[in-house]
Amino acid sequence: MAQNLFQYSIRTKEKQTFVNLDRYLEDALEQSGIQDGMMLVYCPHTTAAITINENADPDVKIDLKLGLDETFPNKSDYVHMEGNSDGHMKSSVVGANEMLIVSDGKLILGMWQSVYFAEFDGPRTRTVYVKIIKG
């Protein structure tokens, strides 16, 4: 029986960064042998997230960071003692997972789309799970 649950370790190098996951997802899909179904990409961390966004212009990631920092600044009056309340807020808004369609052995993504791991409290070593469900 083919494997359909995969775990990847992601090492982030900055406090806030976006890591392209496409190569991990392609690896999981190839190993699974599943041609049609759904792929769930999940992050089990409370200060990180999974998102889909543009992969053509690297400035998009810079703008995402700026927008998130402006929307959720790390205020000194937050009471969470670890000092990463902004990371928790960003994670909650962006979300812990994305569901993708698998068709003919390929992910259906828009022309300019990629899947990203979003780090909001790095640098850290994080885990990403990929579950592929035959459809």
N, C-alpha and C. Protein backbone atom coordinates (compact mmCIF):
# COMPACT_ATOMS: atom_id res chain seq x y z
N MET A 1 0.85 -1.19 0.00
CA MET A 1 0.00 0.00 0.00
C MET A 1 0.89 1.25 0.00
N ALA A 2 0.56 2.20 -0.85
CA ALA A 2 1.34 3.43 -0.96
C ALA A 2 1.12 4.32 0.26
N GLN A 3 2.16 5.03 0.62
CA GLN A 3 2.08 5.97 1.74
C GLN A 3 1.28 7.19 1.31
N ASN A 4 0.48 7.72 2.23
CA ASN A 4 -0.27 8.94 1.91
C ASN A 4 -0.19 10.01 2.99
N LEU A 5 0.65 9.80 4.01
CA LEU A 5 0.91 10.82 5.02
C LEU A 5 2.41 11.08 5.07
N PHE A 6 2.77 12.35 4.93
CA PHE A 6 4.18 12.73 4.87
C PHE A 6 4.44 13.83 5.88
N GLN A 7 5.65 13.82 6.43
CA GLN A 7 6.07 14.82 7.41
C GLN A 7 7.39 15.41 6.93
N TYR A 8 7.44 16.75 6.92
CA TYR A 8 8.64 17.45 6.47
C TYR A 8 9.09 18.42 7.56
N SER A 9 10.40 18.54 7.70
CA SER A 9 10.99 19.48 8.65
C SER A 9 11.45 20.72 7.88
N ILE A 10 11.01 21.88 8.33
CA ILE A 10 11.35 23.15 7.70
C ILE A 10 12.16 23.97 8.69
N ARG A 11 13.34 24.39 8.29
CA ARG A 11 14.18 25.24 9.15
C ARG A 11 14.09 26.66 8.64
N THR A 12 13.52 27.55 9.46
CA THR A 12 13.41 28.95 9.05
C THR A 12 14.59 29.73 9.60
N LYS A 13 14.95 30.80 8.90
CA LYS A 13 16.14 31.57 9.26
C LYS A 13 15.84 32.98 9.74
N GLU A 14 14.56 33.38 9.66
CA GLU A 14 14.17 34.74 10.05
C GLU A 14 12.97 34.68 10.98
N LYS A 15 12.71 35.82 11.66
CA LYS A 15 11.53 35.91 12.52
C LYS A 15 10.26 35.72 11.70
N GLN A 16 10.19 36.36 10.55
CA GLN A 16 9.00 36.25 9.69
C GLN A 16 9.46 36.00 8.26
N THR A 17 9.04 34.87 7.70
CA THR A 17 9.44 34.52 6.35
C THR A 17 8.41 33.58 5.72
N PHE A 18 8.47 33.47 4.41
CA PHE A 18 7.60 32.57 3.66
C PHE A 18 8.49 31.58 2.90
N VAL A 19 8.28 30.28 3.15
CA VAL A 19 9.08 29.23 2.53
C VAL A 19 8.22 28.50 1.51
N ASN A 20 8.67 28.47 0.26
CA ASN A 20 7.95 27.77 -0.80
C ASN A 20 7.97 26.27 -0.52
N LEU A 21 6.79 25.65 -0.52
CA LEU A 21 6.66 24.22 -0.22
C LEU A 21 6.46 23.36 -1.46
N ASP A 22 6.47 23.94 -2.64
CA ASP A 22 6.12 23.19 -3.85
C ASP A 22 6.93 21.90 -4.02
N ARG A 23 8.23 21.94 -3.77
CA ARG A 23 9.05 20.73 -3.97
C ARG A 23 8.66 19.62 -2.99
N TYR A 24 8.29 19.99 -1.77
CA TYR A 24 7.83 19.00 -0.79
C TYR A 24 6.51 18.37 -1.22
N LEU A 25 5.61 19.21 -1.74
CA LEU A 25 4.31 18.71 -2.15
C LEU A 25 4.42 17.81 -3.37
N GLU A 26 5.27 18.18 -4.30
CA GLU A 26 5.51 17.33 -5.48
C GLU A 26 6.13 16.00 -5.07
N ASP A 27 7.05 16.03 -4.11
CA ASP A 27 7.66 14.80 -3.59
C ASP A 27 6.61 13.89 -2.97
N ALA A 28 5.76 14.46 -2.13
CA ALA A 28 4.71 13.67 -1.48
C ALA A 28 3.76 13.07 -2.51
N LEU A 29 3.37 13.86 -3.48
CA LEU A 29 2.44 13.38 -4.50
C LEU A 29 3.06 12.24 -5.30
N GLU A 30 4.31 12.39 -5.68
CA GLU A 30 4.99 11.34 -6.44
C GLU A 30 5.11 10.05 -5.63
N GLN A 31 5.52 10.19 -4.36
CA GLN A 31 5.66 9.01 -3.50
C GLN A 31 4.33 8.31 -3.26
N SER A 32 3.24 9.08 -3.19
CA SER A 32 1.93 8.49 -2.89
C SER A 32 1.40 7.65 -4.04
N GLY A 33 1.73 8.04 -5.26
CA GLY A 33 1.19 7.36 -6.43
C GLY A 33 -0.26 7.69 -6.72
N ILE A 34 -0.84 8.59 -5.95
CA ILE A 34 -2.26 8.95 -6.13
C ILE A 34 -2.39 9.90 -7.31
N GLN A 35 -3.32 9.60 -8.19
CA GLN A 35 -3.53 10.38 -9.40
C GLN A 35 -4.66 11.40 -9.28
N ASP A 36 -5.67 11.07 -8.48
CA ASP A 36 -6.83 11.96 -8.32
C ASP A 36 -7.27 11.96 -6.87
N GLY A 37 -7.51 13.15 -6.35
CA GLY A 37 -7.95 13.25 -4.96
C GLY A 37 -7.72 14.64 -4.41
N MET A 38 -7.38 14.68 -3.13
CA MET A 38 -7.17 15.94 -2.42
C MET A 38 -5.86 15.85 -1.64
N MET A 39 -5.21 17.00 -1.50
CA MET A 39 -4.00 17.09 -0.69
C MET A 39 -4.24 18.13 0.41
N LEU A 40 -4.07 17.69 1.64
CA LEU A 40 -4.15 18.60 2.78
C LEU A 40 -2.73 18.92 3.24
N VAL A 41 -2.42 20.21 3.33
CA VAL A 41 -1.13 20.67 3.82
C VAL A 41 -1.41 21.34 5.16
N TYR A 42 -0.81 20.82 6.23
CA TYR A 42 -1.16 21.24 7.58
C TYR A 42 0.09 21.60 8.39
N CYS A 43 -0.04 22.65 9.18
CA CYS A 43 1.03 23.14 10.06
C CYS A 43 0.56 23.06 11.51
N PRO A 44 1.22 22.26 12.37
CA PRO A 44 0.79 22.12 13.75
C PRO A 44 1.44 23.12 14.73
N HIS A 45 1.59 24.36 14.29
CA HIS A 45 2.24 25.36 15.13
C HIS A 45 1.34 26.58 15.29
N THR A 46 1.37 27.19 16.46
CA THR A 46 0.47 28.32 16.74
C THR A 46 1.04 29.69 16.35
N THR A 47 2.27 29.72 15.87
CA THR A 47 2.83 30.97 15.37
C THR A 47 3.39 30.78 13.96
N ALA A 48 2.74 29.92 13.20
CA ALA A 48 3.11 29.69 11.80
C ALA A 48 1.82 29.35 11.05
N ALA A 49 1.91 29.27 9.73
CA ALA A 49 0.69 29.05 8.94
C ALA A 49 1.05 28.47 7.57
N ILE A 50 0.02 28.12 6.82
CA ILE A 50 0.13 27.66 5.44
C ILE A 50 -0.72 28.59 4.59
N THR A 51 -0.19 29.02 3.45
CA THR A 51 -0.95 29.91 2.57
C THR A 51 -0.60 29.65 1.12
N ILE A 52 -1.48 30.09 0.24
CA ILE A 52 -1.25 30.04 -1.21
C ILE A 52 -1.15 31.48 -1.68
N ASN A 53 -0.08 31.76 -2.46
CA ASN A 53 0.05 33.10 -3.00
C ASN A 53 0.95 33.08 -4.22
N GLU A 54 1.23 34.25 -4.74
CA GLU A 54 1.99 34.40 -5.98
C GLU A 54 3.42 33.92 -5.84
N ASN A 55 3.92 33.26 -6.90
CA ASN A 55 5.30 32.77 -6.90
C ASN A 55 6.18 33.48 -7.93
N ALA A 56 5.64 34.38 -8.73
CA ALA A 56 6.39 35.00 -9.82
C ALA A 56 7.22 36.20 -9.36
N ASP A 57 6.67 37.02 -8.51
CA ASP A 57 7.34 38.25 -8.08
C ASP A 57 7.70 38.14 -6.60
N PRO A 58 8.98 38.06 -6.24
CA PRO A 58 9.37 37.94 -4.83
C PRO A 58 8.95 39.13 -3.98
N ASP A 59 8.63 40.25 -4.60
CA ASP A 59 8.17 41.42 -3.85
C ASP A 59 6.83 41.17 -3.16
N VAL A 60 6.05 40.21 -3.67
CA VAL A 60 4.77 39.89 -3.03
C VAL A 60 5.00 39.43 -1.60
N LYS A 61 6.00 38.59 -1.38
CA LYS A 61 6.30 38.11 -0.02
C LYS A 61 6.73 39.27 0.89
N ILE A 62 7.49 40.21 0.33
CA ILE A 62 7.90 41.38 1.11
C ILE A 62 6.67 42.19 1.50
N ASP A 63 5.76 42.40 0.56
CA ASP A 63 4.54 43.15 0.84
C ASP A 63 3.65 42.43 1.85
N LEU A 64 3.58 41.09 1.76
CA LEU A 64 2.81 40.33 2.75
C LEU A 64 3.37 40.55 4.15
N LYS A 65 4.68 40.48 4.29
CA LYS A 65 5.32 40.72 5.59
C LYS A 65 4.99 42.12 6.11
N LEU A 66 5.15 43.12 5.25
CA LEU A 66 4.87 44.51 5.65
C LEU A 66 3.41 44.68 6.07
N GLY A 67 2.49 44.14 5.27
CA GLY A 67 1.07 44.25 5.58
C GLY A 67 0.69 43.57 6.88
N LEU A 68 1.23 42.37 7.11
CA LEU A 68 0.94 41.65 8.35
C LEU A 68 1.53 42.37 9.55
N ASP A 69 2.76 42.89 9.40
CA ASP A 69 3.36 43.63 10.51
C ASP A 69 2.59 44.91 10.83
N GLU A 70 2.09 45.57 9.80
CA GLU A 70 1.31 46.80 10.03
C GLU A 70 -0.03 46.48 10.68
N THR A 71 -0.65 45.38 10.25
CA THR A 71 -1.95 44.98 10.79
C THR A 71 -1.83 44.41 12.20
N PHE A 72 -0.75 43.65 12.44
CA PHE A 72 -0.54 43.00 13.73
C PHE A 72 0.85 43.33 14.27
N PRO A 73 1.06 44.56 14.72
CA PRO A 73 2.36 44.90 15.31
C PRO A 73 2.53 44.20 16.65
N ASN A 74 3.78 44.00 17.04
CA ASN A 74 4.05 43.37 18.33
C ASN A 74 4.08 44.45 19.41
N LYS A 75 2.92 44.70 20.00
CA LYS A 75 2.76 45.77 20.98
C LYS A 75 3.29 45.36 22.35
N SER A 76 3.89 46.32 23.02
CA SER A 76 4.45 46.05 24.35
C SER A 76 3.36 45.81 25.40
N ASP A 77 2.13 46.23 25.12
CA ASP A 77 1.07 46.04 26.12
C ASP A 77 0.35 44.69 26.00
N TYR A 78 0.75 43.83 25.06
CA TYR A 78 0.19 42.48 25.03
C TYR A 78 0.62 41.73 26.29
N VAL A 79 -0.24 40.91 26.82
CA VAL A 79 0.04 40.25 28.09
C VAL A 79 0.66 38.85 27.95
N HIS A 80 0.61 38.26 26.80
CA HIS A 80 1.24 36.94 26.60
C HIS A 80 2.73 37.06 26.86
N MET A 81 3.23 36.31 27.84
CA MET A 81 4.58 36.54 28.34
C MET A 81 5.70 36.16 27.39
N GLU A 82 5.44 35.38 26.37
CA GLU A 82 6.51 34.97 25.45
C GLU A 82 6.89 36.08 24.46
N GLY A 83 6.07 37.13 24.37
CA GLY A 83 6.40 38.23 23.49
C GLY A 83 6.15 37.97 22.01
N ASN A 84 5.35 36.98 21.71
CA ASN A 84 5.08 36.65 20.31
C ASN A 84 3.59 36.68 19.97
N SER A 85 2.85 37.53 20.64
CA SER A 85 1.41 37.62 20.40
C SER A 85 1.10 37.97 18.95
N ASP A 86 1.94 38.79 18.33
CA ASP A 86 1.72 39.12 16.93
C ASP A 86 1.78 37.86 16.06
N GLY A 87 2.68 36.94 16.37
CA GLY A 87 2.78 35.69 15.63
C GLY A 87 1.54 34.84 15.77
N HIS A 88 0.96 34.82 16.97
CA HIS A 88 -0.28 34.06 17.19
C HIS A 88 -1.43 34.66 16.37
N MET A 89 -1.50 35.97 16.34
CA MET A 89 -2.56 36.63 15.57
C MET A 89 -2.41 36.37 14.07
N LYS A 90 -1.21 36.51 13.57
CA LYS A 90 -0.95 36.28 12.14
C LYS A 90 -1.29 34.84 11.77
N SER A 91 -0.89 33.90 12.62
CA SER A 91 -1.19 32.48 12.38
C SER A 91 -2.69 32.22 12.33
N SER A 92 -3.42 32.82 13.26
CA SER A 92 -4.88 32.62 13.29
C SER A 92 -5.56 33.17 12.05
N VAL A 93 -5.09 34.32 11.58
CA VAL A 93 -5.72 34.94 10.40
C VAL A 93 -5.35 34.21 9.12
N VAL A 94 -4.08 33.84 8.96
CA VAL A 94 -3.64 33.16 7.73
C VAL A 94 -4.17 31.73 7.70
N GLY A 95 -4.07 31.00 8.79
CA GLY A 95 -4.64 29.66 8.87
C GLY A 95 -3.60 28.55 8.89
N ALA A 96 -3.98 27.44 9.48
CA ALA A 96 -3.07 26.32 9.69
C ALA A 96 -3.00 25.34 8.53
N ASN A 97 -3.88 25.49 7.52
CA ASN A 97 -3.87 24.49 6.44
C ASN A 97 -4.41 25.03 5.13
N GLU A 98 -4.12 24.28 4.09
CA GLU A 98 -4.69 24.52 2.76
C GLU A 98 -5.07 23.17 2.17
N MET A 99 -6.17 23.12 1.45
CA MET A 99 -6.62 21.92 0.76
C MET A 99 -6.47 22.15 -0.74
N LEU A 100 -5.82 21.20 -1.42
CA LEU A 100 -5.56 21.32 -2.85
C LEU A 100 -6.17 20.16 -3.61
N ILE A 101 -6.48 20.39 -4.86
CA ILE A 101 -7.03 19.34 -5.73
C ILE A 101 -5.88 18.65 -6.47
N VAL A 102 -5.93 17.31 -6.50
CA VAL A 102 -5.00 16.51 -7.28
C VAL A 102 -5.77 15.93 -8.46
N SER A 103 -5.28 16.17 -9.66
CA SER A 103 -5.92 15.65 -10.87
C SER A 103 -4.85 15.19 -11.85
N ASP A 104 -5.01 13.98 -12.35
CA ASP A 104 -4.03 13.40 -13.29
C ASP A 104 -2.61 13.44 -12.72
N GLY A 105 -2.47 13.22 -11.43
CA GLY A 105 -1.17 13.15 -10.79
C GLY A 105 -0.50 14.49 -10.55
N LYS A 106 -1.26 15.59 -10.72
CA LYS A 106 -0.68 16.93 -10.54
C LYS A 106 -1.59 17.76 -9.66
N LEU A 107 -0.97 18.72 -8.97
CA LEU A 107 -1.75 19.67 -8.19
C LEU A 107 -2.36 20.72 -9.11
N ILE A 108 -3.59 21.08 -8.83
CA ILE A 108 -4.23 22.16 -9.57
C ILE A 108 -3.97 23.46 -8.80
N LEU A 109 -3.11 24.27 -9.39
CA LEU A 109 -2.79 25.59 -8.86
C LEU A 109 -2.87 26.58 -10.00
N GLY A 110 -3.13 27.83 -9.69
CA GLY A 110 -3.13 28.87 -10.71
C GLY A 110 -1.74 29.07 -11.27
N MET A 111 -1.67 29.71 -12.42
CA MET A 111 -0.40 29.91 -13.12
C MET A 111 0.69 30.50 -12.24
N TRP A 112 0.34 31.44 -11.38
CA TRP A 112 1.34 32.14 -10.57
C TRP A 112 1.33 31.69 -9.12
N GLN A 113 0.60 30.63 -8.79
CA GLN A 113 0.45 30.24 -7.39
C GLN A 113 1.48 29.21 -6.94
N SER A 114 1.85 29.34 -5.68
CA SER A 114 2.64 28.34 -4.95
C SER A 114 2.08 28.25 -3.54
N VAL A 115 2.45 27.18 -2.85
CA VAL A 115 2.04 26.98 -1.47
C VAL A 115 3.23 27.35 -0.59
N TYR A 116 2.96 28.12 0.46
CA TYR A 116 4.02 28.62 1.33
C TYR A 116 3.78 28.24 2.79
N PHE A 117 4.88 27.93 3.47
CA PHE A 117 4.89 27.85 4.92
C PHE A 117 5.21 29.26 5.40
N ALA A 118 4.38 29.81 6.26
CA ALA A 118 4.56 31.16 6.78
C ALA A 118 5.05 31.09 8.22
N GLU A 119 6.24 31.59 8.43
CA GLU A 119 6.85 31.64 9.76
C GLU A 119 6.61 33.02 10.37
N PHE A 120 6.08 33.04 11.59
CA PHE A 120 5.81 34.31 12.27
C PHE A 120 6.55 34.45 13.60
N ASP A 121 7.43 33.48 13.95
CA ASP A 121 8.11 33.52 15.23
C ASP A 121 9.44 32.77 15.17
N GLY A 122 10.18 32.98 14.10
CA GLY A 122 11.42 32.25 13.91
C GLY A 122 12.62 33.01 14.44
N PRO A 123 13.78 32.47 14.14
CA PRO A 123 14.01 31.25 13.39
C PRO A 123 13.72 30.01 14.24
N ARG A 124 13.21 28.99 13.57
CA ARG A 124 12.84 27.75 14.25
C ARG A 124 12.91 26.58 13.28
N THR A 125 12.86 25.38 13.85
CA THR A 125 12.66 24.18 13.05
C THR A 125 11.20 23.80 13.21
N ARG A 126 10.49 23.71 12.10
CA ARG A 126 9.04 23.48 12.11
C ARG A 126 8.69 22.19 11.37
N THR A 127 7.47 21.74 11.58
CA THR A 127 6.97 20.55 10.91
C THR A 127 5.80 20.90 10.02
N VAL A 128 5.76 20.29 8.85
CA VAL A 128 4.62 20.42 7.94
C VAL A 128 4.17 19.00 7.59
N TYR A 129 2.86 18.76 7.70
CA TYR A 129 2.30 17.47 7.33
C TYR A 129 1.57 17.61 6.00
N VAL A 130 1.66 16.56 5.19
CA VAL A 130 0.95 16.49 3.92
C VAL A 130 0.18 15.18 3.91
N LYS A 131 -1.12 15.26 3.75
CA LYS A 131 -1.99 14.07 3.68
C LYS A 131 -2.65 14.08 2.32
N ILE A 132 -2.49 12.99 1.57
CA ILE A 132 -3.08 12.89 0.24
C ILE A 132 -4.18 11.84 0.31
N ILE A 133 -5.37 12.25 -0.11
CA ILE A 133 -6.56 11.41 -0.01
C ILE A 133 -7.01 11.05 -1.42
N LYS A 134 -7.07 9.78 -1.68
CA LYS A 134 -7.51 9.30 -3.00
C LYS A 134 -8.97 9.63 -3.21
N GLY A 135 -9.29 10.12 -4.41
CA GLY A 135 -10.67 10.56 -4.64
C GLY A 135 -11.38 9.86 -5.71
